Amino acid sequence: MTEGVKEFLNGLGLGAHFDMFVAKGFEKEGDIPYLTGDDLTCMYITDEDDREKILEACKLFRLF
């Protein structure tokens, strides 16, 4: 179940955030297209570069 999220984050070079994604309930690949900036704030992801990478990848993820 969490493998898709792990692959998504590892593909961005942001695998360090995986545990927080799971802890906050974002453990399904289907959750990825719906992530928002507020969700990242709840996960304590405050680094602007990380946030931008994740949110941009979410937009592209929606296209597939």
PDB file of N, CA and C in Angstrom:
ATOM      1  N   MET A   1       0.820  -1.196   0.000  1.00  0.00           N
ATOM      2  CA  MET A   1       0.000   0.000   0.000  1.00  0.00           C
ATOM      3  C   MET A   1       0.859   1.253   0.000  1.00  0.00           C
ATOM      4  N   THR A   2       1.887   1.297   0.813  1.00  0.00           N
ATOM      5  CA  THR A   2       2.716   2.493   0.921  1.00  0.00           C
ATOM      6  C   THR A   2       3.828   2.530  -0.119  1.00  0.00           C
ATOM      7  N   GLU A   3       3.991   1.452  -0.870  1.00  0.00           N
ATOM      8  CA  GLU A   3       5.106   1.366  -1.813  1.00  0.00           C
ATOM      9  C   GLU A   3       5.051   2.470  -2.876  1.00  0.00           C
ATOM     10  N   GLY A   4       3.853   2.815  -3.363  1.00  0.00           N
ATOM     11  CA  GLY A   4       3.720   3.867  -4.369  1.00  0.00           C
ATOM     12  C   GLY A   4       4.139   5.224  -3.839  1.00  0.00           C
ATOM     13  N   VAL A   5       3.809   5.502  -2.599  1.00  0.00           N
ATOM     14  CA  VAL A   5       4.197   6.775  -1.974  1.00  0.00           C
ATOM     15  C   VAL A   5       5.708   6.809  -1.795  1.00  0.00           C
ATOM     16  N   LYS A   6       6.262   5.697  -1.368  1.00  0.00           N
ATOM     17  CA  LYS A   6       7.714   5.622  -1.177  1.00  0.00           C
ATOM     18  C   LYS A   6       8.433   5.849  -2.509  1.00  0.00           C
ATOM     19  N   GLU A   7       7.967   5.224  -3.571  1.00  0.00           N
ATOM     20  CA  GLU A   7       8.577   5.390  -4.890  1.00  0.00           C
ATOM     21  C   GLU A   7       8.443   6.835  -5.375  1.00  0.00           C
ATOM     22  N   PHE A   8       7.292   7.417  -5.145  1.00  0.00           N
ATOM     23  CA  PHE A   8       7.051   8.809  -5.535  1.00  0.00           C
ATOM     24  C   PHE A   8       8.073   9.729  -4.871  1.00  0.00           C
ATOM     25  N   LEU A   9       8.215   9.608  -3.557  1.00  0.00           N
ATOM     26  CA  LEU A   9       9.141  10.466  -2.818  1.00  0.00           C
ATOM     27  C   LEU A   9      10.589  10.164  -3.159  1.00  0.00           C
ATOM     28  N   ASN A  10      10.939   8.894  -3.278  1.00  0.00           N
ATOM     29  CA  ASN A  10      12.315   8.535  -3.631  1.00  0.00           C
ATOM     30  C   ASN A  10      12.674   9.060  -5.014  1.00  0.00           C
ATOM     31  N   GLY A  11      11.717   9.042  -5.921  1.00  0.00           N
ATOM     32  CA  GLY A  11      11.948   9.563  -7.275  1.00  0.00           C
ATOM     33  C   GLY A  11      12.248  11.051  -7.285  1.00  0.00           C
ATOM     34  N   LEU A  12      11.788  11.740  -6.263  1.00  0.00           N
ATOM     35  CA  LEU A  12      12.050  13.184  -6.134  1.00  0.00           C
ATOM     36  C   LEU A  12      13.293  13.454  -5.296  1.00  0.00           C
ATOM     37  N   GLY A  13      13.889  12.385  -4.762  1.00  0.00           N
ATOM     38  CA  GLY A  13      15.025  12.560  -3.863  1.00  0.00           C
ATOM     39  C   GLY A  13      14.595  13.026  -2.486  1.00  0.00           C
ATOM     40  N   LEU A  14      13.341  12.754  -2.133  1.00  0.00           N
ATOM     41  CA  LEU A  14      12.783  13.249  -0.869  1.00  0.00           C
ATOM     42  C   LEU A  14      12.246  12.115   0.006  1.00  0.00           C
ATOM     43  N   GLY A  15      12.872  10.971  -0.108  1.00  0.00           N
ATOM     44  CA  GLY A  15      12.449   9.807   0.658  1.00  0.00           C
ATOM     45  C   GLY A  15      12.469  10.017   2.160  1.00  0.00           C
ATOM     46  N   ALA A  16      13.218  10.997   2.624  1.00  0.00           N
ATOM     47  CA  ALA A  16      13.286  11.275   4.063  1.00  0.00           C
ATOM     48  C   ALA A  16      11.928  11.690   4.626  1.00  0.00           C
ATOM     49  N   HIS A  17      11.017  12.129   3.774  1.00  0.00           N
ATOM     50  CA  HIS A  17       9.696  12.563   4.228  1.00  0.00           C
ATOM     51  C   HIS A  17       8.682  11.415   4.300  1.00  0.00           C
ATOM     52  N   PHE A  18       9.084  10.235   3.869  1.00  0.00           N
ATOM     53  CA  PHE A  18       8.149   9.114   3.779  1.00  0.00           C
ATOM     54  C   PHE A  18       7.457   8.805   5.105  1.00  0.00           C
ATOM     55  N   ASP A  19       8.209   8.701   6.173  1.00  0.00           N
ATOM     56  CA  ASP A  19       7.613   8.348   7.465  1.00  0.00           C
ATOM     57  C   ASP A  19       6.554   9.359   7.895  1.00  0.00           C
ATOM     58  N   MET A  20       6.783  10.633   7.617  1.00  0.00           N
ATOM     59  CA  MET A  20       5.805  11.654   7.991  1.00  0.00           C
ATOM     60  C   MET A  20       4.549  11.543   7.125  1.00  0.00           C
ATOM     61  N   PHE A  21       4.712  11.232   5.853  1.00  0.00           N
ATOM     62  CA  PHE A  21       3.549  11.022   4.990  1.00  0.00           C
ATOM     63  C   PHE A  21       2.668   9.932   5.574  1.00  0.00           C
ATOM     64  N   VAL A  22       3.276   8.822   5.937  1.00  0.00           N
ATOM     65  CA  VAL A  22       2.520   7.689   6.482  1.00  0.00           C
ATOM     66  C   VAL A  22       1.908   8.059   7.832  1.00  0.00           C
ATOM     67  N   ALA A  23       2.673   8.727   8.675  1.00  0.00           N
ATOM     68  CA  ALA A  23       2.179   9.114  10.002  1.00  0.00           C
ATOM     69  C   ALA A  23       0.960  10.027   9.912  1.00  0.00           C
ATOM     70  N   LYS A  24       0.900  10.833   8.875  1.00  0.00           N
ATOM     71  CA  LYS A  24      -0.219  11.765   8.709  1.00  0.00           C
ATOM     72  C   LYS A  24      -1.334  11.202   7.829  1.00  0.00           C
ATOM     73  N   GLY A  25      -1.217   9.908   7.466  1.00  0.00           N
ATOM     74  CA  GLY A  25      -2.302   9.244   6.752  1.00  0.00           C
ATOM     75  C   GLY A  25      -2.224   9.274   5.243  1.00  0.00           C
ATOM     76  N   PHE A  26      -1.147   9.772   4.687  1.00  0.00           N
ATOM     77  CA  PHE A  26      -0.985   9.797   3.232  1.00  0.00           C
ATOM     78  C   PHE A  26      -0.152   8.598   2.819  1.00  0.00           C
ATOM     79  N   GLU A  27      -0.797   7.440   2.832  1.00  0.00           N
ATOM     80  CA  GLU A  27      -0.062   6.200   2.608  1.00  0.00           C
ATOM     81  C   GLU A  27      -0.451   5.493   1.326  1.00  0.00           C
ATOM     82  N   LYS A  28      -1.417   6.026   0.607  1.00  0.00           N
ATOM     83  CA  LYS A  28      -1.857   5.404  -0.633  1.00  0.00           C
ATOM     84  C   LYS A  28      -1.419   6.253  -1.820  1.00  0.00           C
ATOM     85  N   GLU A  29      -1.028   5.582  -2.879  1.00  0.00           N
ATOM     86  CA  GLU A  29      -0.625   6.275  -4.098  1.00  0.00           C
ATOM     87  C   GLU A  29      -1.752   7.188  -4.591  1.00  0.00           C
ATOM     88  N   GLY A  30      -2.985   6.777  -4.387  1.00  0.00           N
ATOM     89  CA  GLY A  30      -4.128   7.576  -4.804  1.00  0.00           C
ATOM     90  C   GLY A  30      -4.273   8.888  -4.048  1.00  0.00           C
ATOM     91  N   ASP A  31      -3.568   9.026  -2.920  1.00  0.00           N
ATOM     92  CA  ASP A  31      -3.599  10.280  -2.147  1.00  0.00           C
ATOM     93  C   ASP A  31      -2.748  11.369  -2.809  1.00  0.00           C
ATOM     94  N   ILE A  32      -1.759  10.964  -3.562  1.00  0.00           N
ATOM     95  CA  ILE A  32      -0.766  11.899  -4.103  1.00  0.00           C
ATOM     96  C   ILE A  32      -1.390  13.043  -4.914  1.00  0.00           C
ATOM     97  N   PRO A  33      -2.311  12.767  -5.819  1.00  0.00           N
ATOM     98  CA  PRO A  33      -2.842  13.883  -6.618  1.00  0.00           C
ATOM     99  C   PRO A  33      -3.603  14.933  -5.820  1.00  0.00           C
ATOM    100  N   TYR A  34      -3.973  14.599  -4.606  1.00  0.00           N
ATOM    101  CA  TYR A  34      -4.795  15.498  -3.801  1.00  0.00           C
ATOM    102  C   TYR A  34      -4.018  16.262  -2.734  1.00  0.00           C
ATOM    103  N   LEU A  35      -2.712  16.085  -2.684  1.00  0.00           N
ATOM    104  CA  LEU A  35      -1.896  16.792  -1.693  1.00  0.00           C
ATOM    105  C   LEU A  35      -1.930  18.294  -1.941  1.00  0.00           C
ATOM    106  N   THR A  36      -1.973  19.039  -0.869  1.00  0.00           N
ATOM    107  CA  THR A  36      -1.986  20.501  -0.954  1.00  0.00           C
ATOM    108  C   THR A  36      -0.851  21.065  -0.103  1.00  0.00           C
ATOM    109  N   GLY A  37      -0.630  22.328  -0.246  1.00  0.00           N
ATOM    110  CA  GLY A  37       0.347  23.008   0.593  1.00  0.00           C
ATOM    111  C   GLY A  37       0.001  22.887   2.069  1.00  0.00           C
ATOM    112  N   ASP A  38      -1.279  22.946   2.392  1.00  0.00           N
ATOM    113  CA  ASP A  38      -1.707  22.789   3.780  1.00  0.00           C
ATOM    114  C   ASP A  38      -1.359  21.403   4.314  1.00  0.00           C
ATOM    115  N   ASP A  39      -1.501  20.384   3.462  1.00  0.00           N
ATOM    116  CA  ASP A  39      -1.128  19.028   3.875  1.00  0.00           C
ATOM    117  C   ASP A  39       0.358  18.962   4.206  1.00  0.00           C
ATOM    118  N   LEU A  40       1.175  19.596   3.372  1.00  0.00           N
ATOM    119  CA  LEU A  40       2.617  19.584   3.608  1.00  0.00           C
ATOM    120  C   LEU A  40       2.959  20.325   4.891  1.00  0.00           C
ATOM    121  N   THR A  41       2.217  21.396   5.179  1.00  0.00           N
ATOM    122  CA  THR A  41       2.416  22.120   6.431  1.00  0.00           C
ATOM    123  C   THR A  41       2.103  21.209   7.614  1.00  0.00           C
ATOM    124  N   CYS A  42       1.021  20.447   7.529  1.00  0.00           N
ATOM    125  CA  CYS A  42       0.657  19.507   8.600  1.00  0.00           C
ATOM    126  C   CYS A  42       1.719  18.428   8.793  1.00  0.00           C
ATOM    127  N   MET A  43       2.467  18.153   7.723  1.00  0.00           N
ATOM    128  CA  MET A  43       3.537  17.155   7.798  1.00  0.00           C
ATOM    129  C   MET A  43       4.869  17.786   8.203  1.00  0.00           C
ATOM    130  N   TYR A  44       4.839  19.066   8.535  1.00  0.00           N
ATOM    131  CA  TYR A  44       6.033  19.809   8.941  1.00  0.00           C
ATOM    132  C   TYR A  44       7.088  19.863   7.838  1.00  0.00           C
ATOM    133  N   ILE A  45       6.643  19.841   6.601  1.00  0.00           N
ATOM    134  CA  ILE A  45       7.556  20.004   5.468  1.00  0.00           C
ATOM    135  C   ILE A  45       7.564  21.490   5.146  1.00  0.00           C
ATOM    136  N   THR A  46       8.578  22.169   5.657  1.00  0.00           N
ATOM    137  CA  THR A  46       8.638  23.629   5.546  1.00  0.00           C
ATOM    138  C   THR A  46       9.665  24.122   4.541  1.00  0.00           C
ATOM    139  N   ASP A  47      10.583  23.256   4.136  1.00  0.00           N
ATOM    140  CA  ASP A  47      11.591  23.650   3.156  1.00  0.00           C
ATOM    141  C   ASP A  47      10.888  23.982   1.835  1.00  0.00           C
ATOM    142  N   GLU A  48      11.054  25.201   1.374  1.00  0.00           N
ATOM    143  CA  GLU A  48      10.344  25.661   0.176  1.00  0.00           C
ATOM    144  C   GLU A  48      10.697  24.844  -1.059  1.00  0.00           C
ATOM    145  N   ASP A  49      11.950  24.453  -1.199  1.00  0.00           N
ATOM    146  CA  ASP A  49      12.347  23.650  -2.355  1.00  0.00           C
ATOM    147  C   ASP A  49      11.663  22.289  -2.330  1.00  0.00           C
ATOM    148  N   ASP A  50      11.620  21.649  -1.168  1.00  0.00           N
ATOM    149  CA  ASP A  50      10.950  20.353  -1.035  1.00  0.00           C
ATOM    150  C   ASP A  50       9.465  20.489  -1.333  1.00  0.00           C
ATOM    151  N   ARG A  51       8.857  21.518  -0.791  1.00  0.00           N
ATOM    152  CA  ARG A  51       7.422  21.743  -1.006  1.00  0.00           C
ATOM    153  C   ARG A  51       7.121  21.927  -2.491  1.00  0.00           C
ATOM    154  N   GLU A  52       7.935  22.744  -3.143  1.00  0.00           N
ATOM    155  CA  GLU A  52       7.728  23.010  -4.564  1.00  0.00           C
ATOM    156  C   GLU A  52       7.884  21.736  -5.392  1.00  0.00           C
ATOM    157  N   LYS A  53       8.917  20.954  -5.100  1.00  0.00           N
ATOM    158  CA  LYS A  53       9.131  19.695  -5.817  1.00  0.00           C
ATOM    159  C   LYS A  53       7.931  18.772  -5.670  1.00  0.00           C
ATOM    160  N   ILE A  54       7.466  18.618  -4.447  1.00  0.00           N
ATOM    161  CA  ILE A  54       6.353  17.712  -4.187  1.00  0.00           C
ATOM    162  C   ILE A  54       5.084  18.200  -4.884  1.00  0.00           C
ATOM    163  N   LEU A  55       4.759  19.459  -4.728  1.00  0.00           N
ATOM    164  CA  LEU A  55       3.523  19.979  -5.308  1.00  0.00           C
ATOM    165  C   LEU A  55       3.549  19.955  -6.838  1.00  0.00           C
ATOM    166  N   GLU A  56       4.684  20.257  -7.436  1.00  0.00           N
ATOM    167  CA  GLU A  56       4.799  20.194  -8.899  1.00  0.00           C
ATOM    168  C   GLU A  56       4.666  18.752  -9.384  1.00  0.00           C
ATOM    169  N   ALA A  57       5.284  17.822  -8.671  1.00  0.00           N
ATOM    170  CA  ALA A  57       5.187  16.411  -9.048  1.00  0.00           C
ATOM    171  C   ALA A  57       3.753  15.908  -8.897  1.00  0.00           C
ATOM    172  N   CYS A  58       3.035  16.418  -7.920  1.00  0.00           N
ATOM    173  CA  CYS A  58       1.620  16.040  -7.739  1.00  0.00           C
ATOM    174  C   CYS A  58       0.800  16.469  -8.947  1.00  0.00           C
ATOM    175  N   LYS A  59       1.071  17.649  -9.474  1.00  0.00           N
ATOM    176  CA  LYS A  59       0.356  18.119 -10.656  1.00  0.00           C
ATOM    177  C   LYS A  59       0.601  17.198 -11.849  1.00  0.00           C
ATOM    178  N   LEU A  60       1.853  16.796 -12.029  1.00  0.00           N
ATOM    179  CA  LEU A  60       2.189  15.894 -13.132  1.00  0.00           C
ATOM    180  C   LEU A  60       1.618  14.511 -12.894  1.00  0.00           C
ATOM    181  N   PHE A  61       1.575  14.077 -11.674  1.00  0.00           N
ATOM    182  CA  PHE A  61       1.050  12.777 -11.309  1.00  0.00           C
ATOM    183  C   PHE A  61      -0.425  12.679 -11.714  1.00  0.00           C
ATOM    184  N   ARG A  62      -1.128  13.793 -11.628  1.00  0.00           N
ATOM    185  CA  ARG A  62      -2.554  13.820 -11.982  1.00  0.00           C
ATOM    186  C   ARG A  62      -2.786  13.542 -13.451  1.00  0.00           C
ATOM    187  N   LEU A  63      -1.791  13.823 -14.279  1.00  0.00           N
ATOM    188  CA  LEU A  63      -1.959  13.671 -15.720  1.00  0.00           C
ATOM    189  C   LEU A  63      -1.936  12.217 -16.160  1.00  0.00           C
ATOM    190  N   PHE A  64      -1.469  11.331 -15.318  1.00  0.00           N
ATOM    191  CA  PHE A  64      -1.320   9.925 -15.724  1.00  0.00           C
ATOM    192  C   PHE A  64      -2.442   9.071 -15.229  1.00  0.00           C
TER     193      PHE A  64
END
